[in-house]
Every structure is written in structure tokens, then in C-alpha cells.
Amino acid sequence: VKLKCGLTNEITDVDEPSRCEYVALLATPALCQEEKLKELQHKLDLLNSEQPESHDEL
């Protein structure tokens, strides 16, 4: 089972990659806040990495 953020609890996809092996994609609102937090943290990390370490005056 793979999980993703979704508006309701529902199985959105089922696949059979090989015989008798199944993969289901479950959407749930329980993951939305954590997913958004990770996305915002990643954006913040990128912004911080783009800032110069020190500021030189001319």
C-alpha cells in the first residue's frame, strides 16, 4: 500500500506488477498536513541555501 494526500479516504489505484503481487494507492486527508509541512520545509531549505553566508560591504 502506498499512501498520498487526498480529500477523502479512498483507494485511488490498484496495480498488479507481477502475478499475485498487488500495489494499492490509498488517498487520505491524514497525510495532507505532513505532506504540506515537508513541502514547505523543502522550500525553506532551498531559500536558505541560496542566501550568501556573509555580506560584504563595498
N, C-alpha and C. Protein backbone atom coordinates (compact mmCIF):
# COMPACT_ATOMS: atom_id res chain seq x y z
N VAL A 1 0.85 -1.18 0.00
CA VAL A 1 0.00 0.00 0.00
C VAL A 1 0.89 1.24 0.00
N LYS A 2 0.61 2.13 -0.93
CA LYS A 2 1.28 3.43 -0.97
C LYS A 2 0.25 4.47 -0.56
N LEU A 3 0.70 5.47 0.18
CA LEU A 3 -0.20 6.49 0.70
C LEU A 3 0.07 7.84 0.05
N LYS A 4 -1.00 8.64 -0.09
CA LYS A 4 -0.86 10.00 -0.59
C LYS A 4 -1.93 10.87 0.03
N CYS A 5 -1.71 12.16 -0.02
CA CYS A 5 -2.68 13.13 0.47
C CYS A 5 -3.91 13.12 -0.43
N GLY A 6 -5.10 13.16 0.17
CA GLY A 6 -6.34 13.20 -0.60
C GLY A 6 -7.45 13.82 0.22
N LEU A 7 -8.53 14.18 -0.42
CA LEU A 7 -9.65 14.82 0.27
C LEU A 7 -10.46 13.83 1.11
N THR A 8 -10.51 12.56 0.68
CA THR A 8 -11.25 11.53 1.41
C THR A 8 -10.40 10.28 1.51
N ASN A 9 -10.80 9.36 2.40
CA ASN A 9 -10.15 8.07 2.49
C ASN A 9 -10.67 7.19 1.37
N GLU A 10 -9.81 6.90 0.40
CA GLU A 10 -10.25 6.05 -0.71
C GLU A 10 -9.05 5.42 -1.41
N ILE A 11 -9.27 4.23 -1.93
CA ILE A 11 -8.26 3.58 -2.76
C ILE A 11 -8.41 4.17 -4.15
N THR A 12 -7.35 4.82 -4.63
CA THR A 12 -7.44 5.53 -5.91
C THR A 12 -6.88 4.72 -7.07
N ASP A 13 -6.08 3.69 -6.77
CA ASP A 13 -5.49 2.90 -7.84
C ASP A 13 -5.03 1.55 -7.28
N VAL A 14 -5.15 0.51 -8.09
CA VAL A 14 -4.63 -0.81 -7.75
C VAL A 14 -3.91 -1.34 -8.98
N ASP A 15 -2.73 -1.88 -8.76
CA ASP A 15 -1.93 -2.41 -9.86
C ASP A 15 -1.43 -3.80 -9.48
N GLU A 16 -1.19 -4.63 -10.47
CA GLU A 16 -0.62 -5.96 -10.26
C GLU A 16 0.69 -6.03 -11.04
N PRO A 17 1.80 -5.57 -10.42
CA PRO A 17 3.08 -5.53 -11.13
C PRO A 17 3.59 -6.92 -11.53
N SER A 18 3.24 -7.93 -10.77
CA SER A 18 3.55 -9.31 -11.15
C SER A 18 2.46 -10.21 -10.56
N ARG A 19 2.45 -11.45 -10.98
CA ARG A 19 1.40 -12.38 -10.57
C ARG A 19 1.30 -12.46 -9.05
N CYS A 20 0.10 -12.29 -8.55
CA CYS A 20 -0.22 -12.37 -7.12
C CYS A 20 0.51 -11.34 -6.27
N GLU A 21 0.93 -10.25 -6.87
CA GLU A 21 1.55 -9.15 -6.15
C GLU A 21 0.78 -7.89 -6.51
N TYR A 22 0.25 -7.21 -5.50
CA TYR A 22 -0.61 -6.06 -5.75
C TYR A 22 -0.06 -4.81 -5.06
N VAL A 23 -0.27 -3.68 -5.69
CA VAL A 23 0.09 -2.39 -5.12
C VAL A 23 -1.16 -1.52 -5.16
N ALA A 24 -1.54 -1.00 -4.01
CA ALA A 24 -2.72 -0.13 -3.92
C ALA A 24 -2.28 1.26 -3.50
N LEU A 25 -2.92 2.27 -4.07
CA LEU A 25 -2.66 3.66 -3.72
C LEU A 25 -3.86 4.16 -2.91
N LEU A 26 -3.60 4.53 -1.66
CA LEU A 26 -4.64 4.99 -0.75
C LEU A 26 -4.49 6.48 -0.50
N ALA A 27 -5.52 7.24 -0.81
CA ALA A 27 -5.54 8.68 -0.53
C ALA A 27 -6.24 8.90 0.80
N THR A 28 -5.68 9.79 1.62
CA THR A 28 -6.26 10.09 2.92
C THR A 28 -5.92 11.52 3.34
N PRO A 29 -6.87 12.23 3.94
CA PRO A 29 -6.57 13.59 4.40
C PRO A 29 -5.59 13.60 5.58
N ALA A 30 -5.39 12.48 6.23
CA ALA A 30 -4.47 12.41 7.36
C ALA A 30 -3.04 12.74 6.96
N LEU A 31 -2.70 12.55 5.70
CA LEU A 31 -1.33 12.83 5.24
C LEU A 31 -1.14 14.24 4.72
N CYS A 32 -2.20 14.97 4.52
CA CYS A 32 -2.09 16.28 3.86
C CYS A 32 -1.26 17.28 4.64
N GLN A 33 -1.44 17.37 5.92
CA GLN A 33 -0.67 18.35 6.70
C GLN A 33 0.80 17.99 6.72
N GLU A 34 1.12 16.71 6.91
CA GLU A 34 2.52 16.29 6.94
C GLU A 34 3.17 16.53 5.58
N GLU A 35 2.45 16.23 4.51
CA GLU A 35 2.98 16.43 3.17
C GLU A 35 3.23 17.92 2.92
N LYS A 36 2.30 18.77 3.33
CA LYS A 36 2.45 20.21 3.15
C LYS A 36 3.62 20.72 3.98
N LEU A 37 3.77 20.20 5.19
CA LEU A 37 4.88 20.60 6.05
C LEU A 37 6.22 20.25 5.39
N LYS A 38 6.32 19.05 4.84
CA LYS A 38 7.56 18.64 4.17
C LYS A 38 7.84 19.52 2.96
N GLU A 39 6.80 19.86 2.20
CA GLU A 39 6.95 20.72 1.03
C GLU A 39 7.45 22.11 1.44
N LEU A 40 6.85 22.68 2.49
CA LEU A 40 7.26 24.00 2.95
C LEU A 40 8.68 23.97 3.52
N GLN A 41 9.03 22.90 4.23
CA GLN A 41 10.38 22.77 4.78
C GLN A 41 11.40 22.70 3.65
N HIS A 42 11.07 21.97 2.59
CA HIS A 42 11.96 21.85 1.43
C HIS A 42 12.16 23.23 0.78
N LYS A 43 11.08 23.98 0.61
CA LYS A 43 11.18 25.32 0.03
C LYS A 43 12.04 26.23 0.90
N LEU A 44 11.85 26.14 2.22
CA LEU A 44 12.64 26.94 3.14
C LEU A 44 14.12 26.57 3.06
N ASP A 45 14.41 25.29 3.00
CA ASP A 45 15.80 24.83 2.87
C ASP A 45 16.44 25.36 1.59
N LEU A 46 15.67 25.36 0.49
CA LEU A 46 16.19 25.89 -0.77
C LEU A 46 16.48 27.38 -0.66
N LEU A 47 15.56 28.12 -0.06
CA LEU A 47 15.77 29.56 0.10
C LEU A 47 16.99 29.84 0.97
N ASN A 48 17.15 29.08 2.04
CA ASN A 48 18.29 29.27 2.92
C ASN A 48 19.60 28.93 2.23
N SER A 49 19.59 27.92 1.38
CA SER A 49 20.82 27.53 0.69
C SER A 49 21.21 28.53 -0.39
N GLU A 50 20.26 29.32 -0.87
CA GLU A 50 20.53 30.32 -1.90
C GLU A 50 21.06 31.63 -1.31
N GLN A 51 20.93 31.82 -0.01
CA GLN A 51 21.39 33.04 0.63
C GLN A 51 22.90 32.99 0.84
N PRO A 52 23.59 34.11 0.63
CA PRO A 52 25.04 34.12 0.89
C PRO A 52 25.31 33.96 2.38
N GLU A 53 26.43 33.30 2.68
CA GLU A 53 26.79 33.05 4.08
C GLU A 53 27.15 34.35 4.80
N SER A 54 27.83 35.27 4.10
CA SER A 54 28.19 36.54 4.71
C SER A 54 27.89 37.67 3.74
N HIS A 55 27.84 38.85 4.26
CA HIS A 55 27.52 40.02 3.45
C HIS A 55 28.74 40.94 3.44
N ASP A 56 29.31 41.16 2.28
CA ASP A 56 30.46 42.05 2.15
C ASP A 56 30.00 43.44 1.74
N GLU A 57 30.48 44.42 2.45
CA GLU A 57 30.17 45.81 2.12
C GLU A 57 31.19 46.31 1.11
N LEU A 58 30.76 47.16 0.22
CA LEU A 58 31.66 47.76 -0.76
C LEU A 58 32.35 48.97 -0.20
